[in-house]
PDB file of N, CA and C in Angstrom:
ATOM      1  N   MET A   1     -96.519  30.361  13.101  1.00  0.00           N
ATOM      2  CA  MET A   1     -95.389  31.274  13.089  1.00  0.00           C
ATOM      3  C   MET A   1     -94.299  30.756  12.149  1.00  0.00           C
ATOM      4  N   ALA A   2     -94.028  29.469  12.215  1.00  0.00           N
ATOM      5  CA  ALA A   2     -92.978  28.902  11.369  1.00  0.00           C
ATOM      6  C   ALA A   2     -93.365  28.996   9.893  1.00  0.00           C
ATOM      7  N   GLN A   3     -94.652  28.905   9.613  1.00  0.00           N
ATOM      8  CA  GLN A   3     -95.138  28.987   8.226  1.00  0.00           C
ATOM      9  C   GLN A   3     -94.872  30.372   7.650  1.00  0.00           C
ATOM     10  N   GLU A   4     -95.058  31.413   8.460  1.00  0.00           N
ATOM     11  CA  GLU A   4     -94.824  32.786   8.006  1.00  0.00           C
ATOM     12  C   GLU A   4     -93.341  33.015   7.714  1.00  0.00           C
ATOM     13  N   GLU A   5     -92.470  32.468   8.565  1.00  0.00           N
ATOM     14  CA  GLU A   5     -91.030  32.612   8.360  1.00  0.00           C
ATOM     15  C   GLU A   5     -90.604  31.889   7.088  1.00  0.00           C
ATOM     16  N   LYS A   6     -91.207  30.751   6.816  1.00  0.00           N
ATOM     17  CA  LYS A   6     -90.869  29.983   5.624  1.00  0.00           C
ATOM     18  C   LYS A   6     -91.275  30.755   4.367  1.00  0.00           C
ATOM     19  N   LYS A   7     -92.469  31.372   4.380  1.00  0.00           N
ATOM     20  CA  LYS A   7     -92.923  32.161   3.245  1.00  0.00           C
ATOM     21  C   LYS A   7     -92.010  33.361   3.019  1.00  0.00           C
ATOM     22  N   CYS A   8     -91.599  33.998   4.110  1.00  0.00           N
ATOM     23  CA  CYS A   8     -90.718  35.156   4.020  1.00  0.00           C
ATOM     24  C   CYS A   8     -89.372  34.747   3.431  1.00  0.00           C
ATOM     25  N   CYS A   9     -88.853  33.626   3.881  1.00  0.00           N
ATOM     26  CA  CYS A   9     -87.564  33.145   3.392  1.00  0.00           C
ATOM     27  C   CYS A   9     -87.647  32.779   1.913  1.00  0.00           C
ATOM     28  N   GLU A  10     -88.740  32.142   1.508  1.00  0.00           N
ATOM     29  CA  GLU A  10     -88.931  31.787   0.104  1.00  0.00           C
ATOM     30  C   GLU A  10     -89.058  33.033  -0.765  1.00  0.00           C
ATOM     31  N   ALA A  11     -89.724  34.058  -0.266  1.00  0.00           N
ATOM     32  CA  ALA A  11     -89.879  35.305  -1.021  1.00  0.00           C
ATOM     33  C   ALA A  11     -88.532  35.983  -1.211  1.00  0.00           C
ATOM     34  N   LYS A  12     -87.709  35.993  -0.174  1.00  0.00           N
ATOM     35  CA  LYS A  12     -86.376  36.592  -0.280  1.00  0.00           C
ATOM     36  C   LYS A  12     -85.517  35.819  -1.269  1.00  0.00           C
ATOM     37  N   LYS A  13     -85.615  34.501  -1.229  1.00  0.00           N
ATOM     38  CA  LYS A  13     -84.831  33.660  -2.128  1.00  0.00           C
ATOM     39  C   LYS A  13     -85.269  33.877  -3.579  1.00  0.00           C
ATOM     40  N   THR A  14     -86.568  33.964  -3.802  1.00  0.00           N
ATOM     41  CA  THR A  14     -87.089  34.201  -5.146  1.00  0.00           C
ATOM     42  C   THR A  14     -86.659  35.571  -5.656  1.00  0.00           C
ATOM     43  N   LEU A  15     -86.748  36.580  -4.810  1.00  0.00           N
ATOM     44  CA  LEU A  15     -86.335  37.932  -5.187  1.00  0.00           C
ATOM     45  C   LEU A  15     -84.836  37.976  -5.489  1.00  0.00           C
ATOM     46  N   SER A  16     -84.057  37.292  -4.691  1.00  0.00           N
ATOM     47  CA  SER A  16     -82.616  37.234  -4.914  1.00  0.00           C
ATOM     48  C   SER A  16     -82.289  36.567  -6.248  1.00  0.00           C
ATOM     49  N   THR A  17     -82.972  35.471  -6.558  1.00  0.00           N
ATOM     50  CA  THR A  17     -82.759  34.774  -7.821  1.00  0.00           C
ATOM     51  C   THR A  17     -83.167  35.648  -8.996  1.00  0.00           C
ATOM     52  N   LEU A  18     -84.288  36.327  -8.878  1.00  0.00           N
ATOM     53  CA  LEU A  18     -84.749  37.220  -9.934  1.00  0.00           C
ATOM     54  C   LEU A  18     -83.743  38.343 -10.167  1.00  0.00           C
ATOM     55  N   PHE A  19     -83.227  38.920  -9.104  1.00  0.00           N
ATOM     56  CA  PHE A  19     -82.223  39.977  -9.216  1.00  0.00           C
ATOM     57  C   PHE A  19     -80.980  39.474  -9.939  1.00  0.00           C
ATOM     58  N   LYS A  20     -80.523  38.274  -9.606  1.00  0.00           N
ATOM     59  CA  LYS A  20     -79.337  37.706 -10.253  1.00  0.00           C
ATOM     60  C   LYS A  20     -79.576  37.448 -11.732  1.00  0.00           C
ATOM     61  N   VAL A  21     -80.760  36.982 -12.087  1.00  0.00           N
ATOM     62  CA  VAL A  21     -81.082  36.736 -13.492  1.00  0.00           C
ATOM     63  C   VAL A  21     -81.100  38.045 -14.273  1.00  0.00           C
ATOM     64  N   VAL A  22     -81.742  39.065 -13.723  1.00  0.00           N
ATOM     65  CA  VAL A  22     -81.804  40.367 -14.396  1.00  0.00           C
ATOM     66  C   VAL A  22     -80.400  40.956 -14.533  1.00  0.00           C
ATOM     67  N   LEU A  23     -79.605  40.876 -13.486  1.00  0.00           N
ATOM     68  CA  LEU A  23     -78.242  41.381 -13.531  1.00  0.00           C
ATOM     69  C   LEU A  23     -77.409  40.624 -14.566  1.00  0.00           C
ATOM     70  N   GLY A  24     -77.584  39.316 -14.639  1.00  0.00           N
ATOM     71  CA  GLY A  24     -76.886  38.516 -15.640  1.00  0.00           C
ATOM     72  C   GLY A  24     -77.263  38.920 -17.056  1.00  0.00           C
ATOM     73  N   LEU A  25     -78.549  39.159 -17.290  1.00  0.00           N
ATOM     74  CA  LEU A  25     -78.991  39.596 -18.619  1.00  0.00           C
ATOM     75  C   LEU A  25     -78.436  40.969 -18.979  1.00  0.00           C
ATOM     76  N   VAL A  26     -78.378  41.867 -18.009  1.00  0.00           N
ATOM     77  CA  VAL A  26     -77.808  43.192 -18.247  1.00  0.00           C
ATOM     78  C   VAL A  26     -76.330  43.065 -18.625  1.00  0.00           C
ATOM     79  N   PHE A  27     -75.584  42.229 -17.909  1.00  0.00           N
ATOM     80  CA  PHE A  27     -74.171  42.026 -18.229  1.00  0.00           C
ATOM     81  C   PHE A  27     -74.001  41.422 -19.617  1.00  0.00           C
ATOM     82  N   LEU A  28     -74.871  40.496 -20.004  1.00  0.00           N
ATOM     83  CA  LEU A  28     -74.794  39.912 -21.339  1.00  0.00           C
ATOM     84  C   LEU A  28     -75.009  40.962 -22.425  1.00  0.00           C
ATOM     85  N   VAL A  29     -75.994  41.815 -22.230  1.00  0.00           N
ATOM     86  CA  VAL A  29     -76.266  42.867 -23.213  1.00  0.00           C
ATOM     87  C   VAL A  29     -75.098  43.842 -23.286  1.00  0.00           C
ATOM     88  N   LEU A  30     -74.589  44.272 -22.141  1.00  0.00           N
ATOM     89  CA  LEU A  30     -73.457  45.198 -22.133  1.00  0.00           C
ATOM     90  C   LEU A  30     -72.214  44.570 -22.763  1.00  0.00           C
ATOM     91  N   GLY A  31     -71.995  43.295 -22.503  1.00  0.00           N
ATOM     92  CA  GLY A  31     -70.862  42.603 -23.114  1.00  0.00           C
ATOM     93  C   GLY A  31     -71.001  42.525 -24.620  1.00  0.00           C
ATOM     94  N   GLY A  32     -72.193  42.227 -25.099  1.00  0.00           N
ATOM     95  CA  GLY A  32     -72.431  42.185 -26.546  1.00  0.00           C
ATOM     96  C   GLY A  32     -72.222  43.534 -27.196  1.00  0.00           C
ATOM     97  N   LEU A  33     -72.700  44.586 -26.545  1.00  0.00           N
ATOM     98  CA  LEU A  33     -72.501  45.937 -27.078  1.00  0.00           C
ATOM     99  C   LEU A  33     -71.021  46.319 -27.086  1.00  0.00           C
ATOM    100  N   ALA A  34     -70.291  45.918 -26.065  1.00  0.00           N
ATOM    101  CA  ALA A  34     -68.859  46.221 -26.008  1.00  0.00           C
ATOM    102  C   ALA A  34     -68.113  45.499 -27.128  1.00  0.00           C
ATOM    103  N   ILE A  35     -68.499  44.252 -27.407  1.00  0.00           N
ATOM    104  CA  ILE A  35     -67.866  43.510 -28.502  1.00  0.00           C
ATOM    105  C   ILE A  35     -68.128  44.211 -29.832  1.00  0.00           C
ATOM    106  N   LEU A  36     -69.359  44.640 -30.044  1.00  0.00           N
ATOM    107  CA  LEU A  36     -69.683  45.333 -31.297  1.00  0.00           C
ATOM    108  C   LEU A  36     -68.927  46.649 -31.427  1.00  0.00           C
ATOM    109  N   LYS A  37     -68.846  47.396 -30.342  1.00  0.00           N
ATOM    110  CA  LYS A  37     -68.198  48.707 -30.389  1.00  0.00           C
ATOM    111  C   LYS A  37     -66.688  48.594 -30.567  1.00  0.00           C
ATOM    112  N   TYR A  38     -66.056  47.630 -29.918  1.00  0.00           N
ATOM    113  CA  TYR A  38     -64.597  47.510 -29.934  1.00  0.00           C
ATOM    114  C   TYR A  38     -64.136  46.299 -30.729  1.00  0.00           C
ATOM    115  N   TRP A  39     -64.824  45.966 -31.816  1.00  0.00           N
ATOM    116  CA  TRP A  39     -64.521  44.780 -32.602  1.00  0.00           C
ATOM    117  C   TRP A  39     -63.085  44.801 -33.127  1.00  0.00           C
ATOM    118  N   GLY A  40     -62.638  45.927 -33.646  1.00  0.00           N
ATOM    119  CA  GLY A  40     -61.283  46.035 -34.183  1.00  0.00           C
ATOM    120  C   GLY A  40     -60.223  45.797 -33.125  1.00  0.00           C
ATOM    121  N   ALA A  41     -60.394  46.409 -31.970  1.00  0.00           N
ATOM    122  CA  ALA A  41     -59.439  46.228 -30.879  1.00  0.00           C
ATOM    123  C   ALA A  41     -59.444  44.786 -30.382  1.00  0.00           C
ATOM    124  N   LEU A  42     -60.620  44.167 -30.362  1.00  0.00           N
ATOM    125  CA  LEU A  42     -60.728  42.777 -29.923  1.00  0.00           C
ATOM    126  C   LEU A  42     -59.955  41.850 -30.864  1.00  0.00           C
ATOM    127  N   LEU A  43     -60.091  42.079 -32.169  1.00  0.00           N
ATOM    128  CA  LEU A  43     -59.353  41.258 -33.132  1.00  0.00           C
ATOM    129  C   LEU A  43     -57.851  41.461 -32.985  1.00  0.00           C
ATOM    130  N   LEU A  44     -57.430  42.676 -32.732  1.00  0.00           N
ATOM    131  CA  LEU A  44     -56.012  42.962 -32.539  1.00  0.00           C
ATOM    132  C   LEU A  44     -55.470  42.209 -31.325  1.00  0.00           C
ATOM    133  N   ILE A  45     -56.226  42.205 -30.239  1.00  0.00           N
ATOM    134  CA  ILE A  45     -55.802  41.481 -29.031  1.00  0.00           C
ATOM    135  C   ILE A  45     -55.736  39.982 -29.295  1.00  0.00           C
ATOM    136  N   ILE A  46     -56.728  39.449 -29.997  1.00  0.00           N
ATOM    137  CA  ILE A  46     -56.740  38.013 -30.302  1.00  0.00           C
ATOM    138  C   ILE A  46     -55.546  37.648 -31.175  1.00  0.00           C
ATOM    139  N   LYS A  47     -55.273  38.456 -32.190  1.00  0.00           N
ATOM    140  CA  LYS A  47     -54.123  38.188 -33.068  1.00  0.00           C
ATOM    141  C   LYS A  47     -52.821  38.255 -32.277  1.00  0.00           C
ATOM    142  N   GLY A  48     -52.722  39.183 -31.348  1.00  0.00           N
ATOM    143  CA  GLY A  48     -51.515  39.317 -30.550  1.00  0.00           C
ATOM    144  C   GLY A  48     -51.315  38.172 -29.574  1.00  0.00           C
ATOM    145  N   CYS A  49     -52.380  37.496 -29.195  1.00  0.00           N
ATOM    146  CA  CYS A  49     -52.288  36.421 -28.207  1.00  0.00           C
ATOM    147  C   CYS A  49     -52.139  35.036 -28.837  1.00  0.00           C
ATOM    148  N   ILE A  50     -52.231  34.934 -30.149  1.00  0.00           N
ATOM    149  CA  ILE A  50     -52.156  33.613 -30.791  1.00  0.00           C
ATOM    150  C   ILE A  50     -50.851  32.909 -30.441  1.00  0.00           C
ATOM    151  N   GLY A  51     -49.739  33.632 -30.512  1.00  0.00           N
ATOM    152  CA  GLY A  51     -48.443  33.030 -30.184  1.00  0.00           C
ATOM    153  C   GLY A  51     -48.391  32.512 -28.755  1.00  0.00           C
ATOM    154  N   LEU A  52     -48.880  33.317 -27.824  1.00  0.00           N
ATOM    155  CA  LEU A  52     -48.882  32.901 -26.416  1.00  0.00           C
ATOM    156  C   LEU A  52     -49.764  31.676 -26.196  1.00  0.00           C
ATOM    157  N   PHE A  53     -50.914  31.636 -26.862  1.00  0.00           N
ATOM    158  CA  PHE A  53     -51.788  30.466 -26.739  1.00  0.00           C
ATOM    159  C   PHE A  53     -51.113  29.214 -27.274  1.00  0.00           C
ATOM    160  N   LEU A  54     -50.411  29.339 -28.407  1.00  0.00           N
ATOM    161  CA  LEU A  54     -49.727  28.183 -28.986  1.00  0.00           C
ATOM    162  C   LEU A  54     -48.591  27.707 -28.084  1.00  0.00           C
ATOM    163  N   ILE A  55     -47.850  28.637 -27.489  1.00  0.00           N
ATOM    164  CA  ILE A  55     -46.790  28.252 -26.552  1.00  0.00           C
ATOM    165  C   ILE A  55     -47.380  27.519 -25.360  1.00  0.00           C
ATOM    166  N   LEU A  56     -48.463  28.032 -24.813  1.00  0.00           N
ATOM    167  CA  LEU A  56     -49.117  27.386 -23.673  1.00  0.00           C
ATOM    168  C   LEU A  56     -49.629  25.998 -24.054  1.00  0.00           C
ATOM    169  N   ALA A  57     -50.226  25.875 -25.238  1.00  0.00           N
ATOM    170  CA  ALA A  57     -50.703  24.558 -25.691  1.00  0.00           C
ATOM    171  C   ALA A  57     -49.538  23.594 -25.833  1.00  0.00           C
ATOM    172  N   GLY A  58     -48.399  24.074 -26.330  1.00  0.00           N
ATOM    173  CA  GLY A  58     -47.219  23.219 -26.462  1.00  0.00           C
ATOM    174  C   GLY A  58     -46.696  22.760 -25.120  1.00  0.00           C
ATOM    175  N   VAL A  59     -46.636  23.659 -24.156  1.00  0.00           N
ATOM    176  CA  VAL A  59     -46.154  23.302 -22.820  1.00  0.00           C
ATOM    177  C   VAL A  59     -47.083  22.280 -22.173  1.00  0.00           C
ATOM    178  N   ILE A  60     -48.383  22.486 -22.302  1.00  0.00           N
ATOM    179  CA  ILE A  60     -49.340  21.537 -21.725  1.00  0.00           C
ATOM    180  C   ILE A  60     -49.225  20.178 -22.408  1.00  0.00           C
ATOM    181  N   THR A  61     -49.080  20.176 -23.740  1.00  0.00           N
ATOM    182  CA  THR A  61     -48.924  18.917 -24.468  1.00  0.00           C
ATOM    183  C   THR A  61     -47.675  18.175 -24.031  1.00  0.00           C
ATOM    184  N   LEU A  62     -46.561  18.898 -23.888  1.00  0.00           N
ATOM    185  CA  LEU A  62     -45.321  18.251 -23.435  1.00  0.00           C
ATOM    186  C   LEU A  62     -45.454  17.725 -22.014  1.00  0.00           C
ATOM    187  N   ALA A  63     -46.160  18.457 -21.157  1.00  0.00           N
ATOM    188  CA  ALA A  63     -46.362  18.000 -19.783  1.00  0.00           C
ATOM    189  C   ALA A  63     -47.194  16.728 -19.750  1.00  0.00           C
ATOM    190  N   ILE A  64     -48.191  16.651 -20.623  1.00  0.00           N
ATOM    191  CA  ILE A  64     -49.022  15.447 -20.682  1.00  0.00           C
ATOM    192  C   ILE A  64     -48.219  14.282 -21.256  1.00  0.00           C
ATOM    193  N   ALA A  65     -47.401  14.559 -22.275  1.00  0.00           N
ATOM    194  CA  ALA A  65     -46.620  13.491 -22.907  1.00  0.00           C
ATOM    195  C   ALA A  65     -45.540  12.965 -21.958  1.00  0.00           C
ATOM    196  N   LYS A  66     -45.061  13.794 -21.059  1.00  0.00           N
ATOM    197  CA  LYS A  66     -44.001  13.395 -20.126  1.00  0.00           C
ATOM    198  C   LYS A  66     -44.489  12.331 -19.146  1.00  0.00           C
ATOM    199  N   GLU A  67     -45.773  12.334 -18.857  1.00  0.00           N
ATOM    200  CA  GLU A  67     -46.329  11.369 -17.885  1.00  0.00           C
ATOM    201  C   GLU A  67     -46.276  10.001 -18.369  1.00  0.00           C
TER     202      GLU A  67
END
């Protein structure tokens, strides 16, 4: 009886892992397609965030130097 439960549990775990892998691959493909479709908007957002990233890097650097 315990052997049957173990096989059932292993099958569920394998199926769950397979589902997660397939779902992950689907998200990767959709993300790649979204990047290709909205490339111009993505570059605009990145250009707009450069200043904020530099300010954050400066604050972190000063916090590290203060120690």
